[in-house]
N, C-alpha and C. Protein backbone atom coordinates (compact mmCIF):
# COMPACT_ATOMS: atom_id res chain seq x y z
N MET A 1 1.03 -1.41 0.00
CA MET A 1 0.46 0.07 -0.25
C MET A 1 0.70 1.13 0.03
N ASN A 2 0.19 1.92 -0.94
CA ASN A 2 1.18 3.38 -0.99
C ASN A 2 0.94 4.45 0.19
N THR A 3 1.60 5.32 0.68
CA THR A 3 1.50 6.15 1.92
C THR A 3 1.43 7.30 1.12
N PRO A 4 0.32 8.17 1.19
CA PRO A 4 0.01 9.27 0.56
C PRO A 4 1.12 10.86 1.29
N ALA A 5 1.41 11.56 0.57
CA ALA A 5 2.45 12.59 0.88
C ALA A 5 1.99 13.41 1.90
N PRO A 6 2.34 13.66 3.15
CA PRO A 6 1.80 14.36 4.11
C PRO A 6 0.71 15.97 3.14
N ARG A 7 -0.26 16.21 3.90
CA ARG A 7 -0.51 17.43 3.49
C ARG A 7 -0.64 18.75 4.02
N THR A 8 -0.24 19.42 3.58
CA THR A 8 -0.04 20.75 3.51
C THR A 8 -1.29 21.93 3.20
N VAL A 9 -2.43 21.14 2.63
CA VAL A 9 -3.58 21.81 2.60
C VAL A 9 -4.89 21.61 4.04
N PRO A 10 -5.33 22.01 4.63
CA PRO A 10 -6.28 20.91 5.05
C PRO A 10 -7.45 20.63 4.34
N VAL A 11 -7.92 19.38 4.64
CA VAL A 11 -9.04 18.81 3.78
C VAL A 11 -10.20 19.40 4.30
N ASP A 12 -11.21 19.31 3.46
CA ASP A 12 -12.51 20.33 3.75
C ASP A 12 -13.71 19.49 3.84
N HIS A 13 -14.12 19.19 5.25
CA HIS A 13 -14.73 18.04 5.41
C HIS A 13 -16.26 17.88 5.05
N ASP A 14 -16.29 18.92 4.51
CA ASP A 14 -17.88 19.10 3.94
C ASP A 14 -18.09 18.94 2.27
N VAL A 15 -17.31 18.54 1.91
CA VAL A 15 -16.91 18.82 0.07
C VAL A 15 -16.03 17.73 0.02
N TYR A 16 -16.03 16.74 -0.42
CA TYR A 16 -14.61 15.57 -0.92
C TYR A 16 -14.56 15.48 -2.67
N SER A 17 -13.54 15.82 -3.12
CA SER A 17 -13.38 15.29 -4.66
C SER A 17 -13.83 13.87 -4.58
N ASP A 18 -13.52 13.39 -5.90
CA ASP A 18 -14.22 12.35 -6.86
C ASP A 18 -12.61 11.66 -6.41
N ARG A 19 -11.29 12.16 -6.93
CA ARG A 19 -10.40 11.79 -6.83
C ARG A 19 -9.41 11.39 -5.08
N TYR A 20 -10.16 12.03 -4.32
CA TYR A 20 -9.74 12.34 -3.19
C TYR A 20 -10.31 10.62 -2.76
N LEU A 21 -11.58 10.66 -3.07
CA LEU A 21 -11.97 9.48 -2.52
C LEU A 21 -11.99 8.12 -3.22
N ARG A 22 -11.46 8.18 -4.50
CA ARG A 22 -11.21 7.24 -5.38
C ARG A 22 -9.66 6.72 -4.73
N ASP A 23 -8.84 7.58 -4.34
CA ASP A 23 -7.97 7.19 -3.88
C ASP A 23 -7.34 6.72 -2.77
N ILE A 24 -8.55 6.77 -1.97
CA ILE A 24 -8.99 5.93 -0.59
C ILE A 24 -9.10 4.90 -0.68
N LEU A 25 -10.24 4.69 -1.77
CA LEU A 25 -10.75 3.48 -1.84
C LEU A 25 -9.75 2.30 -3.02
N ALA A 26 -8.83 3.03 -3.33
CA ALA A 26 -7.86 2.39 -4.54
C ALA A 26 -6.79 1.76 -3.47
N ARG A 27 -6.16 2.21 -2.77
CA ARG A 27 -5.20 1.62 -1.57
C ARG A 27 -5.32 1.21 -0.93
N VAL A 28 -6.60 1.36 -0.22
CA VAL A 28 -7.43 0.71 0.94
C VAL A 28 -7.90 -0.86 0.61
N ARG A 29 -7.47 -2.03 1.54
CA ARG A 29 -7.64 -3.08 1.17
C ARG A 29 -8.12 -4.14 2.33
N VAL A 30 -7.45 -3.82 3.52
CA VAL A 30 -8.35 -4.63 4.82
C VAL A 30 -8.97 -3.29 5.66
N ILE A 31 -10.25 -3.41 5.83
CA ILE A 31 -11.44 -2.56 6.35
C ILE A 31 -11.20 -3.14 7.71
N ALA A 32 -11.33 -2.32 9.19
CA ALA A 32 -11.77 -3.15 10.44
C ALA A 32 -13.37 -2.20 10.21
N MET A 33 -14.73 -2.51 10.71
CA MET A 33 -15.54 -1.99 10.03
C MET A 33 -15.98 -2.09 11.66
N VAL A 34 -16.30 -1.01 12.52
CA VAL A 34 -16.77 -0.98 13.71
C VAL A 34 -18.19 -0.84 14.24
N GLY A 35 -19.22 -1.19 14.51
CA GLY A 35 -20.21 -1.37 14.67
C GLY A 35 -21.27 -2.52 13.61
N ALA A 36 -19.97 -3.30 13.11
CA ALA A 36 -20.81 -4.61 12.00
C ALA A 36 -22.10 -5.00 12.82
N SER A 37 -22.96 -5.48 11.99
CA SER A 37 -23.99 -6.37 12.72
C SER A 37 -24.29 -7.45 12.13
N PRO A 38 -24.51 -8.63 12.96
CA PRO A 38 -24.34 -9.84 12.83
C PRO A 38 -26.18 -9.65 11.59
N ASN A 39 -26.71 -9.09 11.92
CA ASN A 39 -27.97 -8.51 11.59
C ASN A 39 -28.08 -8.54 9.85
N TRP A 40 -28.51 -9.51 9.35
CA TRP A 40 -28.67 -9.37 7.64
C TRP A 40 -29.38 -8.04 7.18
N ASN A 41 -30.40 -7.47 7.68
CA ASN A 41 -31.34 -6.22 7.63
C ASN A 41 -30.57 -4.88 7.84
N ARG A 42 -29.30 -4.93 8.83
CA ARG A 42 -28.96 -3.72 8.99
C ARG A 42 -27.97 -3.28 7.55
N PRO A 43 -27.80 -1.75 7.80
CA PRO A 43 -26.85 -1.33 7.18
C PRO A 43 -25.53 -1.73 7.11
N SER A 44 -25.11 -1.98 7.72
CA SER A 44 -23.53 -2.52 8.24
C SER A 44 -23.52 -3.44 7.65
N TYR A 45 -24.22 -4.54 7.74
CA TYR A 45 -24.43 -5.94 7.28
C TYR A 45 -24.71 -5.53 5.65
N PHE A 46 -25.35 -5.17 5.14
CA PHE A 46 -24.94 -4.92 3.85
C PHE A 46 -24.07 -4.47 3.16
N ALA A 47 -23.49 -3.34 3.73
CA ALA A 47 -22.08 -2.79 3.28
C ALA A 47 -21.00 -3.57 3.64
N MET A 48 -20.95 -4.31 4.59
CA MET A 48 -20.13 -5.48 4.88
C MET A 48 -19.40 -6.17 3.94
N LYS A 49 -21.34 -7.07 3.26
CA LYS A 49 -21.06 -7.72 1.98
C LYS A 49 -20.74 -7.25 0.75
N TYR A 50 -21.59 -6.18 0.49
CA TYR A 50 -21.12 -5.21 -0.82
C TYR A 50 -19.18 -4.94 -0.93
N LEU A 51 -18.74 -4.74 0.24
CA LEU A 51 -17.64 -4.26 0.39
C LEU A 51 -16.56 -5.31 -0.19
N GLN A 52 -17.51 -6.38 0.61
CA GLN A 52 -16.87 -7.92 0.33
C GLN A 52 -16.56 -8.22 -1.26
N HIS A 53 -17.91 -7.82 -1.87
CA HIS A 53 -17.75 -8.53 -3.04
C HIS A 53 -16.96 -7.38 -4.11
N LYS A 54 -16.72 -6.27 -3.75
CA LYS A 54 -15.14 -5.70 -4.26
C LYS A 54 -14.14 -6.15 -3.91
N ARG A 55 -13.81 -6.92 -3.31
CA ARG A 55 -12.36 -7.81 -2.72
C ARG A 55 -11.58 -6.79 -1.67
N TYR A 56 -12.39 -6.18 -0.73
CA TYR A 56 -11.85 -5.75 0.32
C TYR A 56 -12.09 -6.84 1.08
N ARG A 57 -11.20 -7.30 2.56
CA ARG A 57 -11.23 -7.72 3.47
C ARG A 57 -11.99 -6.87 4.84
N VAL A 58 -12.84 -7.44 5.43
CA VAL A 58 -13.70 -6.53 5.86
C VAL A 58 -13.99 -7.24 7.70
N ILE A 59 -13.04 -6.55 7.91
CA ILE A 59 -13.02 -7.23 9.77
C ILE A 59 -13.89 -6.48 10.54
N PRO A 60 -15.14 -7.51 11.14
CA PRO A 60 -16.46 -7.00 11.68
C PRO A 60 -15.92 -6.58 13.55
N VAL A 61 -16.48 -5.47 13.96
CA VAL A 61 -15.96 -5.29 15.64
C VAL A 61 -17.13 -4.69 16.08
N ASN A 62 -17.50 -5.69 17.22
CA ASN A 62 -18.64 -5.18 17.72
C ASN A 62 -18.74 -6.01 19.43
N PRO A 63 -18.59 -5.22 20.01
CA PRO A 63 -18.25 -6.02 21.44
C PRO A 63 -19.63 -6.97 21.90
N ALA A 64 -20.36 -6.49 21.27
CA ALA A 64 -21.85 -7.43 22.00
C ALA A 64 -21.88 -9.08 20.84
N ALA A 65 -21.01 -9.28 19.52
CA ALA A 65 -21.27 -10.42 19.10
C ALA A 65 -19.47 -10.67 18.71
N ALA A 66 -18.85 -10.32 19.83
CA ALA A 66 -17.09 -10.43 20.05
C ALA A 66 -17.19 -12.10 19.88
N GLY A 67 -16.43 -13.15 18.88
CA GLY A 67 -16.30 -14.46 18.73
C GLY A 67 -17.13 -14.78 17.56
N GLN A 68 -17.92 -14.37 17.67
CA GLN A 68 -19.13 -14.87 16.57
C GLN A 68 -18.82 -14.57 15.12
N THR A 69 -19.41 -15.02 14.26
CA THR A 69 -18.45 -14.88 12.95
C THR A 69 -19.79 -13.92 11.86
N ILE A 70 -19.06 -12.82 11.32
CA ILE A 70 -20.28 -12.29 10.43
C ILE A 70 -19.58 -12.14 8.82
N LEU A 71 -20.42 -13.02 7.67
CA LEU A 71 -20.05 -12.97 6.35
C LEU A 71 -19.29 -13.54 6.53
N GLY A 72 -18.68 -14.67 7.34
CA GLY A 72 -17.30 -15.88 7.27
C GLY A 72 -16.13 -14.76 7.71
N GLU A 73 -16.12 -13.50 8.55
CA GLU A 73 -14.78 -13.03 9.26
C GLU A 73 -15.40 -13.02 10.67
N LYS A 74 -14.24 -13.15 11.98
CA LYS A 74 -14.40 -13.29 13.22
C LYS A 74 -15.01 -12.14 12.99
N VAL A 75 -15.66 -11.96 14.44
CA VAL A 75 -16.07 -10.40 15.20
C VAL A 75 -15.05 -10.18 16.16
N TYR A 76 -14.67 -9.27 16.42
CA TYR A 76 -13.10 -8.79 17.63
C TYR A 76 -14.61 -8.13 18.57
N ALA A 77 -14.09 -7.82 19.85
CA ALA A 77 -14.63 -6.54 20.43
C ALA A 77 -13.70 -5.27 20.52
N SER A 78 -12.66 -5.40 19.83
CA SER A 78 -11.79 -4.02 19.67
C SER A 78 -11.21 -3.89 18.88
N LEU A 79 -10.72 -2.60 18.06
CA LEU A 79 -9.69 -2.59 17.11
C LEU A 79 -7.98 -3.14 17.78
N LYS A 80 -7.54 -2.86 18.57
CA LYS A 80 -6.84 -3.59 19.15
C LYS A 80 -6.33 -4.98 19.59
N GLU A 81 -7.52 -5.95 19.45
CA GLU A 81 -7.76 -7.03 19.56
C GLU A 81 -7.83 -7.57 17.62
N ILE A 82 -7.89 -7.23 16.75
CA ILE A 82 -7.33 -7.68 15.94
C ILE A 82 -6.10 -7.72 15.08
N PRO A 83 -5.56 -9.12 14.79
CA PRO A 83 -4.22 -9.71 14.65
C PRO A 83 -3.59 -9.62 13.74
N ASP A 84 -4.33 -8.77 12.55
CA ASP A 84 -3.71 -8.03 11.72
C ASP A 84 -3.71 -6.78 11.09
N LYS A 85 -3.17 -6.44 10.27
CA LYS A 85 -2.69 -4.78 9.91
C LYS A 85 -4.12 -4.35 9.13
N VAL A 86 -4.63 -3.26 9.65
CA VAL A 86 -5.96 -2.95 8.99
C VAL A 86 -5.66 -1.44 8.25
N ASP A 87 -6.25 -1.27 7.19
CA ASP A 87 -5.81 -0.04 6.27
C ASP A 87 -6.27 1.10 6.98
N MET A 88 -7.79 0.44 6.47
CA MET A 88 -8.98 1.93 6.84
C MET A 88 -9.85 1.29 7.84
N VAL A 89 -10.52 1.69 9.23
CA VAL A 89 -11.60 1.68 10.33
C VAL A 89 -12.42 2.85 9.81
N ASP A 90 -13.64 2.32 9.33
CA ASP A 90 -14.80 2.41 9.09
C ASP A 90 -16.03 2.33 10.00
N ILE A 91 -16.57 3.88 10.71
CA ILE A 91 -17.21 3.27 11.98
C ILE A 91 -18.41 3.64 11.58
N PHE A 92 -19.20 2.61 11.96
CA PHE A 92 -20.57 2.76 11.82
C PHE A 92 -21.28 2.72 13.50
N ARG A 93 -20.72 3.70 13.86
CA ARG A 93 -21.58 4.27 15.53
C ARG A 93 -21.58 5.74 15.81
N ASN A 94 -22.07 6.11 16.84
CA ASN A 94 -22.30 7.78 16.47
C ASN A 94 -20.94 8.74 16.92
N SER A 95 -21.22 10.30 16.72
CA SER A 95 -20.72 10.98 16.22
C SER A 95 -19.87 11.34 17.66
N GLU A 96 -20.15 10.73 18.65
CA GLU A 96 -19.85 10.34 20.05
C GLU A 96 -18.44 9.43 20.04
N ALA A 97 -19.46 8.05 19.56
CA ALA A 97 -18.25 6.99 19.96
C ALA A 97 -17.22 7.54 18.98
N ALA A 98 -17.19 8.36 17.54
CA ALA A 98 -16.44 8.38 16.88
C ALA A 98 -14.94 8.78 17.82
N GLY A 99 -14.98 9.47 18.93
CA GLY A 99 -13.85 10.45 19.13
C GLY A 99 -12.62 9.08 19.82
N PRO A 100 -13.31 8.22 20.31
CA PRO A 100 -12.62 6.69 21.07
C PRO A 100 -12.16 6.01 20.00
N ILE A 101 -12.76 6.12 19.18
CA ILE A 101 -12.76 4.61 17.89
C ILE A 101 -11.80 5.74 17.27
N ALA A 102 -11.36 6.52 16.91
CA ALA A 102 -10.57 7.39 16.34
C ALA A 102 -8.86 7.17 16.78
N ASP A 103 -8.98 7.74 18.12
CA ASP A 103 -7.66 7.44 18.77
C ASP A 103 -7.17 5.91 18.73
N GLU A 104 -8.20 5.15 18.95
CA GLU A 104 -7.67 3.29 18.76
C GLU A 104 -7.13 3.21 17.16
N ALA A 105 -8.30 3.90 16.29
CA ALA A 105 -7.16 3.75 15.28
C ALA A 105 -5.87 3.97 14.76
N ILE A 106 -5.50 5.35 15.56
CA ILE A 106 -3.93 5.78 15.40
C ILE A 106 -3.40 5.03 16.32
N ALA A 107 -3.75 4.36 17.46
CA ALA A 107 -2.73 3.57 18.15
C ALA A 107 -2.91 2.28 17.65
N ILE A 108 -3.58 1.92 16.25
CA ILE A 108 -3.31 0.25 15.54
C ILE A 108 -2.53 0.58 15.17
N GLY A 109 -2.06 2.31 14.13
CA GLY A 109 -1.64 2.12 13.34
C GLY A 109 -2.35 2.25 11.45
N ALA A 110 -3.68 2.38 11.65
CA ALA A 110 -4.81 2.55 10.57
C ALA A 110 -4.19 3.61 9.66
N LYS A 111 -4.30 3.53 8.38
CA LYS A 111 -3.89 4.85 7.46
C LYS A 111 -4.96 5.51 6.75
N VAL A 112 -6.30 5.30 6.95
CA VAL A 112 -7.48 5.96 7.18
C VAL A 112 -8.89 5.50 7.56
N LEU A 113 -9.23 7.07 8.01
CA LEU A 113 -10.47 6.80 8.85
C LEU A 113 -11.55 7.54 8.68
N TRP A 114 -13.01 6.49 8.55
CA TRP A 114 -14.01 6.83 7.87
C TRP A 114 -15.39 6.43 8.44
N MET A 115 -15.93 7.77 8.52
CA MET A 115 -17.03 7.80 9.24
C MET A 115 -18.30 7.64 8.43
N GLN A 116 -19.09 6.81 9.06
CA GLN A 116 -19.93 6.61 7.97
C GLN A 116 -21.53 8.19 8.10
N LEU A 117 -22.61 7.98 7.32
CA LEU A 117 -23.46 8.18 6.58
C LEU A 117 -23.84 9.16 8.03
N GLY A 118 -23.65 10.12 8.46
CA GLY A 118 -24.09 11.07 9.68
C GLY A 118 -23.63 10.67 10.97
N VAL A 119 -22.09 10.73 10.69
CA VAL A 119 -21.21 10.39 12.01
C VAL A 119 -20.16 11.90 11.71
N ARG A 120 -19.83 12.35 12.43
CA ARG A 120 -18.92 13.60 12.37
C ARG A 120 -18.87 13.72 13.32
N ASN A 121 -16.95 14.12 13.73
CA ASN A 121 -16.53 14.60 14.48
C ASN A 121 -15.10 15.26 14.24
N ASP A 122 -15.56 16.23 14.24
CA ASP A 122 -14.35 17.18 13.96
C ASP A 122 -13.35 17.29 14.88
N ALA A 123 -13.30 16.69 16.19
CA ALA A 123 -12.07 16.88 17.08
C ALA A 123 -11.18 15.63 16.45
N ALA A 124 -11.93 14.23 16.51
CA ALA A 124 -11.74 13.41 16.60
C ALA A 124 -10.92 13.20 15.01
N ALA A 125 -11.50 13.68 13.88
CA ALA A 125 -10.78 14.17 12.72
C ALA A 125 -9.56 14.77 12.48
N ALA A 126 -9.71 15.73 13.87
CA ALA A 126 -8.38 16.27 13.89
C ALA A 126 -7.24 15.93 14.36
N ARG A 127 -7.25 15.13 15.65
CA ARG A 127 -6.41 14.08 15.81
C ARG A 127 -6.07 13.24 15.30
N ALA A 128 -7.00 12.44 14.32
CA ALA A 128 -6.46 11.49 13.57
C ALA A 128 -5.62 12.06 12.44
N GLU A 129 -5.90 13.49 11.21
CA GLU A 129 -5.21 13.71 10.43
C GLU A 129 -4.10 14.31 11.09
N ALA A 130 -3.55 14.93 12.63
CA ALA A 130 -2.56 15.15 13.08
C ALA A 130 -1.75 14.26 12.98
N ALA A 131 -2.24 13.05 13.45
CA ALA A 131 -1.31 11.75 13.20
C ALA A 131 -1.00 10.85 12.09
N GLY A 132 -1.67 11.75 10.99
CA GLY A 132 -1.13 11.37 9.53
C GLY A 132 -2.16 10.31 8.97
N LEU A 133 -3.78 10.49 9.15
CA LEU A 133 -4.63 9.72 9.02
C LEU A 133 -4.92 10.40 7.88
N THR A 134 -6.05 9.36 6.73
CA THR A 134 -6.75 10.49 5.90
C THR A 134 -8.29 10.32 6.43
N VAL A 135 -8.80 11.51 6.21
CA VAL A 135 -10.37 11.26 6.99
C VAL A 135 -11.29 11.77 5.98
N VAL A 136 -12.10 10.66 6.05
CA VAL A 136 -13.94 11.32 5.87
C VAL A 136 -14.73 10.86 6.78
N MET A 137 -15.78 11.81 6.72
CA MET A 137 -17.16 12.10 7.23
C MET A 137 -17.77 12.07 6.62
N ASN A 138 -19.32 11.59 7.32
CA ASN A 138 -20.60 11.66 6.93
C ASN A 138 -20.71 11.27 5.52
N ARG A 139 -19.76 10.02 4.64
CA ARG A 139 -19.93 9.09 4.19
C ARG A 139 -19.95 8.00 4.10
N CYS A 140 -20.59 7.10 3.17
CA CYS A 140 -20.51 5.84 3.05
C CYS A 140 -19.56 5.37 1.84
N PRO A 141 -18.21 4.50 2.37
CA PRO A 141 -17.57 3.65 1.45
C PRO A 141 -18.46 2.95 0.38
N LYS A 142 -19.39 2.15 0.66
CA LYS A 142 -20.22 1.68 -0.36
C LYS A 142 -21.18 2.13 -1.53
N ILE A 143 -21.75 3.31 -1.04
CA ILE A 143 -21.60 4.46 -1.26
C ILE A 143 -21.26 4.93 -2.76
N GLU A 144 -20.68 5.66 -1.97
CA GLU A 144 -19.07 6.25 -2.71
C GLU A 144 -18.33 5.08 -3.99
N TYR A 145 -17.69 3.62 -3.73
CA TYR A 145 -17.61 2.78 -4.43
C TYR A 145 -18.51 2.69 -5.87
N GLY A 146 -19.78 2.25 -5.31
CA GLY A 146 -20.54 2.44 -6.12
C GLY A 146 -20.87 3.67 -7.46
N ARG A 147 -20.85 4.78 -7.06
CA ARG A 147 -20.99 5.98 -7.47
C ARG A 147 -20.09 5.96 -8.38
N LEU A 148 -18.29 6.02 -7.76
CA LEU A 148 -17.35 6.38 -8.54
C LEU A 148 -17.24 5.26 -9.17
N HIS A 149 -17.78 4.03 -9.78
CA HIS A 149 -17.63 2.79 -10.35
C HIS A 149 -18.24 2.92 -11.35
N GLY A 150 -19.52 3.49 -10.87
CA GLY A 150 -21.06 3.24 -11.99
C GLY A 150 -21.64 2.27 -11.55
N GLU A 151 -21.73 1.88 -10.62
CA GLU A 151 -22.00 0.47 -10.18
C GLU A 151 -23.58 0.45 -9.25
N LEU A 152 -24.71 1.24 -9.76
CA LEU A 152 -25.70 1.91 -9.26
C LEU A 152 -26.81 0.02 -9.15
N SER A 153 -26.07 -1.01 -9.30
CA SER A 153 -26.98 -1.87 -9.58
C SER A 153 -27.79 -2.81 -7.91
N TRP A 154 -26.34 -2.29 -7.79
CA TRP A 154 -27.12 -3.02 -5.87
C TRP A 154 -28.11 -2.03 -5.75
N GLY A 155 -28.50 -0.93 -6.23
CA GLY A 155 -29.04 -0.26 -5.50
C GLY A 155 -30.51 -0.47 -5.84
N GLY A 156 -30.98 -1.52 -7.00
CA GLY A 156 -31.66 -2.32 -7.93
C GLY A 156 -31.98 -1.15 -9.02
N ILE A 157 -31.09 -0.41 -9.66
CA ILE A 157 -31.33 0.55 -10.46
C ILE A 157 -30.39 -0.01 -11.88
N ASN A 158 -30.39 -0.13 -12.79
CA ASN A 158 -29.78 -0.77 -14.07
C ASN A 158 -29.73 -2.73 -13.99
N SER A 159 -30.73 -2.86 -12.97
CA SER A 159 -30.68 -4.25 -12.76
C SER A 159 -31.48 -4.87 -13.61
N GLY A 160 -32.63 -4.42 -14.23
CA GLY A 160 -33.35 -5.44 -14.85
C GLY A 160 -34.64 -5.49 -14.13
N ILE A 161 -34.73 -5.10 -12.88
CA ILE A 161 -35.59 -5.58 -11.52
C ILE A 161 -36.52 -4.08 -11.80
N ILE A 162 -36.10 -3.09 -12.05
CA ILE A 162 -36.70 -1.91 -11.56
C ILE A 162 -36.73 -1.20 -13.02
N THR A 163 -37.83 -0.82 -13.38
CA THR A 163 -37.87 -0.48 -15.25
C THR A 163 -39.31 0.84 -14.86
N ALA A 164 -39.13 1.73 -16.10
CA ALA A 164 -39.96 2.75 -15.92
C ALA A 164 -40.52 2.37 -17.30
N LYS A 165 -40.38 1.69 -17.96
CA LYS A 165 -40.90 1.26 -19.58
C LYS A 165 -42.41 0.00 -19.00
N ARG A 166 -43.14 0.65 -19.95
CA ARG A 166 -44.33 -0.52 -19.83
C ARG A 166 -43.99 -1.66 -20.43
N ILE A 167 -44.83 -3.13 -19.68
CA ILE A 167 -44.73 -4.02 -19.68
C ILE A 167 -45.81 -4.48 -20.70
N ARG A 168 -45.61 -5.03 -22.49
CA ARG A 168 -46.67 -5.36 -23.18
C ARG A 168 -46.79 -6.57 -22.84
N VAL A 169 -47.94 -7.07 -22.38
CA VAL A 169 -48.46 -8.67 -22.20
C VAL A 169 -49.64 -9.01 -23.30
N GLY A 170 -49.19 -10.35 -23.33
CA GLY A 170 -49.67 -10.71 -24.74
C GLY A 170 -49.44 -10.44 -25.98
N ARG A 171 -48.09 -10.15 -26.37
CA ARG A 171 -47.62 -9.73 -27.88
C ARG A 171 -46.80 -10.70 -28.20
């Protein structure tokens, strides 16, 4: 994995360029998903499954499910318990919880801190960036990957399932 050059210009966390997001998604291979759920109908489960299909290894972190498996991966209680190197920490928790998770991401040597939709913690982002991490807030890597790669079919669009065309019966 290539380490990006240190930034001299602060990142505007209200607007991310496609290049910024694409570069992150291109260099990351192992993602620790904090707040991953074993429930198939939760957004974190669907995001994890999608990212696995895109050849990312996604390691679930959830103290309530520690020791179980989600989509073939062992669940850990915390980031520090993961025995493998983690490139990115994806936070599926609330904004307040993002602070301690950011500190743990720094401690394990992650390169990227990604906060999911609705999650924003500017103080945590500043600490992470000061430690050399690349930060994204209030975005979903699954959505951004699909958008950047023209893959909207996971949302039912361009899949042949949803259509605006009138179906002719009996002709």
